[in-house]
Amino acid sequence: MLSPANLRANLLVKLGERTGKTHALPLVLFSPTARCNSRCVSCDWWRADGARDLSLAEIEGLAGDLARFGTRVVVFTGGEPLYRPDVMAAADLFRAKGMTLQLLTSGLGLGRYAEDVAARFQAVTVSTVWTLSWRECASCAPARRRSRCGPAPRCTATTSASSRT
C-alpha cells in the first residue's frame, strides 16, 4: 500500500511524463564536494579543489527547494562525500526536511565517521560495488585504507543496515 506522500510523488512523476515538466524529484543525487582523497586511475575527481562546493547556507536552500519537489531520498555521492569536513551538518539539513539519506563512498573515512554515518544514513554503498551496513563498514575500513582505491574487500560481518540500533 502506498503512503499518501508516495502516491502524491508517483502521480506528480506521471504528470511530468505527460507534460514534459518536472513536478517531483523523489530521488536526488547530491555531491557535497567535488574533492576526493582517492586517486583512482579511472577518475580525476581528486584533482578538484572544492572551490565551487555549495556553502551550508546554499545547501539549506537546496534542501528546502527539494522538499517542495517531494524529494524523499537524497544520495550523497561525490567526489568523496566524507572528505568534506561539515558533511554531517549538510546531512542534517536534508534530514530536517524529512528526507532519507544514503551514502556512496570509497570507504576511506568510514572508520572515523562510523557513528555519525550510522545516525544519519539509511544505507551505505562502498566503492559503488559493495553495499554494507555501518557496522560492516567500520570493521572493514582499515583494509580499504590500505588498498586506497577500488572495490572494498568482502566483509565477513552479518549485520544488515535495516537491523542497526
C-alpha atoms as a PDB file:
ATOM      1  CA  MET A   1       0.000   0.000   0.000  1.00  0.00           C
ATOM      2  CA  LEU A   2       1.381   3.388  -0.967  1.00  0.00           C
ATOM      3  CA  SER A   3       1.508   6.113   1.625  1.00  0.00           C
ATOM      4  CA  PRO A   4      -0.175   9.421   0.700  1.00  0.00           C
ATOM      5  CA  ALA A   5       3.263  11.013   0.202  1.00  0.00           C
ATOM      6  CA  ASN A   6       4.401   8.214  -2.113  1.00  0.00           C
ATOM      7  CA  LEU A   7       1.125   8.304  -4.032  1.00  0.00           C
ATOM      8  CA  ARG A   8       1.452  12.089  -4.472  1.00  0.00           C
ATOM      9  CA  ALA A   9       5.052  11.786  -5.704  1.00  0.00           C
ATOM     10  CA  ASN A  10       4.165   8.967  -8.093  1.00  0.00           C
ATOM     11  CA  LEU A  11       1.269  10.958  -9.545  1.00  0.00           C
ATOM     12  CA  LEU A  12       3.490  14.013  -9.984  1.00  0.00           C
ATOM     13  CA  VAL A  13       6.121  11.938 -11.781  1.00  0.00           C
ATOM     14  CA  LYS A  14       3.420  10.588 -14.110  1.00  0.00           C
ATOM     15  CA  LEU A  15       2.139  14.141 -14.678  1.00  0.00           C
ATOM     16  CA  GLY A  16       5.687  15.140 -15.591  1.00  0.00           C
ATOM     17  CA  GLU A  17       5.865  12.348 -18.128  1.00  0.00           C
ATOM     18  CA  ARG A  18       2.704  13.642 -19.792  1.00  0.00           C
ATOM     19  CA  THR A  19       3.501  17.367 -19.643  1.00  0.00           C
ATOM     20  CA  GLY A  20       7.279  17.315 -20.146  1.00  0.00           C
ATOM     21  CA  LYS A  21       7.763  19.346 -16.944  1.00  0.00           C
ATOM     22  CA  THR A  22       9.351  18.409 -13.629  1.00  0.00           C
ATOM     23  CA  HIS A  23       6.772  18.285 -10.848  1.00  0.00           C
ATOM     24  CA  ALA A  24       8.542  15.883  -8.492  1.00  0.00           C
ATOM     25  CA  LEU A  25      12.070  14.687  -7.731  1.00  0.00           C
ATOM     26  CA  PRO A  26      11.590  11.685  -5.448  1.00  0.00           C
ATOM     27  CA  LEU A  27      15.309  10.779  -5.569  1.00  0.00           C
ATOM     28  CA  VAL A  28      18.255  13.171  -5.857  1.00  0.00           C
ATOM     29  CA  LEU A  29      21.978  12.509  -6.233  1.00  0.00           C
ATOM     30  CA  PHE A  30      23.839  15.200  -4.286  1.00  0.00           C
ATOM     31  CA  SER A  31      27.587  15.847  -4.346  1.00  0.00           C
ATOM     32  CA  PRO A  32      28.535  17.730  -1.174  1.00  0.00           C
ATOM     33  CA  THR A  33      32.050  18.181  -2.561  1.00  0.00           C
ATOM     34  CA  ALA A  34      33.933  17.737  -5.800  1.00  0.00           C
ATOM     35  CA  ARG A  35      37.065  16.755  -3.867  1.00  0.00           C
ATOM     36  CA  CYS A  36      38.239  13.188  -3.316  1.00  0.00           C
ATOM     37  CA  ASN A  37      41.069  11.576  -1.394  1.00  0.00           C
ATOM     38  CA  SER A  38      41.381   8.521  -3.673  1.00  0.00           C
ATOM     39  CA  ARG A  39      43.467   8.575  -6.813  1.00  0.00           C
ATOM     40  CA  CYS A  40      41.657   6.015  -8.905  1.00  0.00           C
ATOM     41  CA  VAL A  41      43.033   5.560 -12.411  1.00  0.00           C
ATOM     42  CA  SER A  42      39.517   5.659 -13.855  1.00  0.00           C
ATOM     43  CA  CYS A  43      38.679   9.054 -12.341  1.00  0.00           C
ATOM     44  CA  ASP A  44      40.156  12.513 -11.874  1.00  0.00           C
ATOM     45  CA  TRP A  45      37.870  13.899  -9.144  1.00  0.00           C
ATOM     46  CA  TRP A  46      40.908  14.047  -6.849  1.00  0.00           C
ATOM     47  CA  ARG A  47      42.205  16.991  -8.915  1.00  0.00           C
ATOM     48  CA  ALA A  48      39.265  19.209  -7.833  1.00  0.00           C
ATOM     49  CA  ASP A  49      39.891  21.849  -5.175  1.00  0.00           C
ATOM     50  CA  GLY A  50      36.308  22.173  -3.932  1.00  0.00           C
ATOM     51  CA  ALA A  51      36.174  25.898  -4.669  1.00  0.00           C
ATOM     52  CA  ARG A  52      32.727  25.564  -6.260  1.00  0.00           C
ATOM     53  CA  ASP A  53      31.232  23.423  -3.470  1.00  0.00           C
ATOM     54  CA  LEU A  54      27.974  24.817  -2.075  1.00  0.00           C
ATOM     55  CA  SER A  55      28.067  26.553   1.306  1.00  0.00           C
ATOM     56  CA  LEU A  56      25.898  25.227   4.144  1.00  0.00           C
ATOM     57  CA  ALA A  57      23.522  28.160   3.588  1.00  0.00           C
ATOM     58  CA  GLU A  58      23.182  27.193  -0.080  1.00  0.00           C
ATOM     59  CA  ILE A  59      22.635  23.550   0.881  1.00  0.00           C
ATOM     60  CA  GLU A  60      19.930  24.623   3.328  1.00  0.00           C
ATOM     61  CA  GLY A  61      18.165  26.467   0.498  1.00  0.00           C
ATOM     62  CA  LEU A  62      18.527  23.441  -1.763  1.00  0.00           C
ATOM     63  CA  ALA A  63      17.041  21.168   0.919  1.00  0.00           C
ATOM     64  CA  GLY A  64      14.026  23.471   1.155  1.00  0.00           C
ATOM     65  CA  ASP A  65      13.594  23.504  -2.624  1.00  0.00           C
ATOM     66  CA  LEU A  66      13.851  19.724  -2.818  1.00  0.00           C
ATOM     67  CA  ALA A  67      11.257  19.313  -0.067  1.00  0.00           C
ATOM     68  CA  ARG A  68       8.833  21.321  -2.207  1.00  0.00           C
ATOM     69  CA  PHE A  69       9.505  18.894  -5.080  1.00  0.00           C
ATOM     70  CA  GLY A  70       8.651  15.930  -2.883  1.00  0.00           C
ATOM     71  CA  THR A  71      12.177  14.565  -2.604  1.00  0.00           C
ATOM     72  CA  ARG A  72      12.195  11.586  -0.264  1.00  0.00           C
ATOM     73  CA  VAL A  73      15.712  10.195  -0.775  1.00  0.00           C
ATOM     74  CA  VAL A  74      18.991  12.078  -1.134  1.00  0.00           C
ATOM     75  CA  VAL A  75      22.043  10.052  -2.126  1.00  0.00           C
ATOM     76  CA  PHE A  76      25.307  11.689  -1.067  1.00  0.00           C
ATOM     77  CA  THR A  77      27.889  10.979  -3.762  1.00  0.00           C
ATOM     78  CA  GLY A  78      30.998  12.773  -4.881  1.00  0.00           C
ATOM     79  CA  GLY A  79      33.864  13.269  -5.163  1.00  0.00           C
ATOM     80  CA  GLU A  80      34.142  11.699  -1.764  1.00  0.00           C
ATOM     81  CA  PRO A  81      31.332  12.987   0.493  1.00  0.00           C
ATOM     82  CA  LEU A  82      33.213  12.203   3.728  1.00  0.00           C
ATOM     83  CA  TYR A  83      36.120  14.390   2.562  1.00  0.00           C
ATOM     84  CA  ARG A  84      34.020  17.489   3.276  1.00  0.00           C
ATOM     85  CA  PRO A  85      34.602  18.497   6.925  1.00  0.00           C
ATOM     86  CA  ASP A  86      30.994  19.637   7.524  1.00  0.00           C
ATOM     87  CA  VAL A  87      29.289  16.804   5.616  1.00  0.00           C
ATOM     88  CA  MET A  88      27.299  15.743   8.705  1.00  0.00           C
ATOM     89  CA  ALA A  89      25.945  19.279   9.107  1.00  0.00           C
ATOM     90  CA  ALA A  90      24.924  19.143   5.439  1.00  0.00           C
ATOM     91  CA  ALA A  91      23.248  15.776   6.054  1.00  0.00           C
ATOM     92  CA  ASP A  92      21.326  17.224   8.978  1.00  0.00           C
ATOM     93  CA  LEU A  93      19.894  19.954   6.728  1.00  0.00           C
ATOM     94  CA  PHE A  94      18.259  17.350   4.481  1.00  0.00           C
ATOM     95  CA  ARG A  95      17.122  15.217   7.404  1.00  0.00           C
ATOM     96  CA  ALA A  96      15.482  18.271   8.971  1.00  0.00           C
ATOM     97  CA  LYS A  97      13.243  18.375   5.887  1.00  0.00           C
ATOM     98  CA  GLY A  98      12.252  14.725   6.397  1.00  0.00           C
ATOM     99  CA  MET A  99      14.441  13.203   3.711  1.00  0.00           C
ATOM    100  CA  THR A 100      16.084   9.797   3.949  1.00  0.00           C
ATOM    101  CA  LEU A 101      19.818   9.750   3.225  1.00  0.00           C
ATOM    102  CA  GLN A 102      22.056   7.228   1.516  1.00  0.00           C
ATOM    103  CA  LEU A 103      25.830   7.419   1.141  1.00  0.00           C
ATOM    104  CA  LEU A 104      28.070   6.415  -1.780  1.00  0.00           C
ATOM    105  CA  THR A 105      31.671   6.421  -0.584  1.00  0.00           C
ATOM    106  CA  SER A 106      35.127   4.987  -1.180  1.00  0.00           C
ATOM    107  CA  GLY A 107      35.026   3.962   2.475  1.00  0.00           C
ATOM    108  CA  LEU A 108      38.247   5.740   3.390  1.00  0.00           C
ATOM    109  CA  GLY A 109      36.536   7.924   6.015  1.00  0.00           C
ATOM    110  CA  LEU A 110      34.133   5.382   7.456  1.00  0.00           C
ATOM    111  CA  GLY A 111      36.331   4.372  10.370  1.00  0.00           C
ATOM    112  CA  ARG A 112      36.446   7.983  11.549  1.00  0.00           C
ATOM    113  CA  TYR A 113      32.756   8.732  10.875  1.00  0.00           C
ATOM    114  CA  ALA A 114      31.082   5.367  11.615  1.00  0.00           C
ATOM    115  CA  GLU A 115      28.805   6.615  14.409  1.00  0.00           C
ATOM    116  CA  ASP A 116      27.839   9.799  12.554  1.00  0.00           C
ATOM    117  CA  VAL A 117      27.105   7.837   9.371  1.00  0.00           C
ATOM    118  CA  ALA A 118      25.030   5.296  11.309  1.00  0.00           C
ATOM    119  CA  ALA A 119      22.971   8.069  12.885  1.00  0.00           C
ATOM    120  CA  ARG A 120      22.184   9.810   9.611  1.00  0.00           C
ATOM    121  CA  PHE A 121      22.339   7.451   6.621  1.00  0.00           C
ATOM    122  CA  GLN A 122      19.909   4.633   5.920  1.00  0.00           C
ATOM    123  CA  ALA A 123      22.264   2.832   3.542  1.00  0.00           C
ATOM    124  CA  VAL A 124      25.958   2.950   2.680  1.00  0.00           C
ATOM    125  CA  THR A 125      27.444   1.791  -0.607  1.00  0.00           C
ATOM    126  CA  VAL A 126      31.218   1.451  -0.635  1.00  0.00           C
ATOM    127  CA  SER A 127      33.126   1.897  -3.911  1.00  0.00           C
ATOM    128  CA  THR A 128      29.808   1.571  -5.798  1.00  0.00           C
ATOM    129  CA  VAL A 129      30.231  -2.213  -5.605  1.00  0.00           C
ATOM    130  CA  TRP A 130      29.653  -3.395  -2.037  1.00  0.00           C
ATOM    131  CA  THR A 131      26.570  -2.422  -0.043  1.00  0.00           C
ATOM    132  CA  LEU A 132      27.292  -2.800   3.646  1.00  0.00           C
ATOM    133  CA  SER A 133      25.840  -1.854   6.958  1.00  0.00           C
ATOM    134  CA  TRP A 134      27.597   0.772   9.045  1.00  0.00           C
ATOM    135  CA  ARG A 135      28.991  -1.891  11.402  1.00  0.00           C
ATOM    136  CA  GLU A 136      30.459  -3.807   8.481  1.00  0.00           C
ATOM    137  CA  CYS A 137      31.972  -0.663   7.007  1.00  0.00           C
ATOM    138  CA  ALA A 138      33.628   0.298  10.281  1.00  0.00           C
ATOM    139  CA  SER A 139      35.140  -3.177  10.629  1.00  0.00           C
ATOM    140  CA  CYS A 140      36.497  -3.177   7.055  1.00  0.00           C
ATOM    141  CA  ALA A 141      37.779   0.418   6.933  1.00  0.00           C
ATOM    142  CA  PRO A 142      41.425  -0.446   7.744  1.00  0.00           C
ATOM    143  CA  ALA A 143      41.608  -2.866   4.808  1.00  0.00           C
ATOM    144  CA  ARG A 144      40.119  -0.249   2.470  1.00  0.00           C
ATOM    145  CA  ARG A 145      42.603   2.381   3.658  1.00  0.00           C
ATOM    146  CA  ARG A 146      45.458   0.029   2.751  1.00  0.00           C
ATOM    147  CA  SER A 147      44.053  -0.574  -0.741  1.00  0.00           C
ATOM    148  CA  ARG A 148      43.497   3.197  -1.376  1.00  0.00           C
ATOM    149  CA  CYS A 149      41.227   2.512  -4.309  1.00  0.00           C
ATOM    150  CA  GLY A 150      38.999   0.014  -5.962  1.00  0.00           C
ATOM    151  CA  PRO A 151      36.406  -2.352  -4.582  1.00  0.00           C
ATOM    152  CA  ALA A 152      36.363  -2.919  -0.871  1.00  0.00           C
ATOM    153  CA  PRO A 153      37.218  -6.414   0.327  1.00  0.00           C
ATOM    154  CA  ARG A 154      34.321  -8.719   1.163  1.00  0.00           C
ATOM    155  CA  CYS A 155      33.043  -8.238   4.675  1.00  0.00           C
ATOM    156  CA  THR A 156      32.517 -11.176   6.954  1.00  0.00           C
ATOM    157  CA  ALA A 157      30.170  -9.289   9.282  1.00  0.00           C
ATOM    158  CA  THR A 158      26.493 -10.224   9.028  1.00  0.00           C
ATOM    159  CA  THR A 159      24.740  -7.159  10.440  1.00  0.00           C
ATOM    160  CA  SER A 160      22.279  -5.647   7.971  1.00  0.00           C
ATOM    161  CA  ALA A 161      21.621  -1.941   7.585  1.00  0.00           C
ATOM    162  CA  SER A 162      17.979  -2.453   8.489  1.00  0.00           C
ATOM    163  CA  SER A 163      18.795  -4.015  11.850  1.00  0.00           C
ATOM    164  CA  ARG A 164      21.064  -1.349  13.300  1.00  0.00           C
ATOM    165  CA  THR A 165      20.164   0.139  16.646  1.00  0.00           C
END
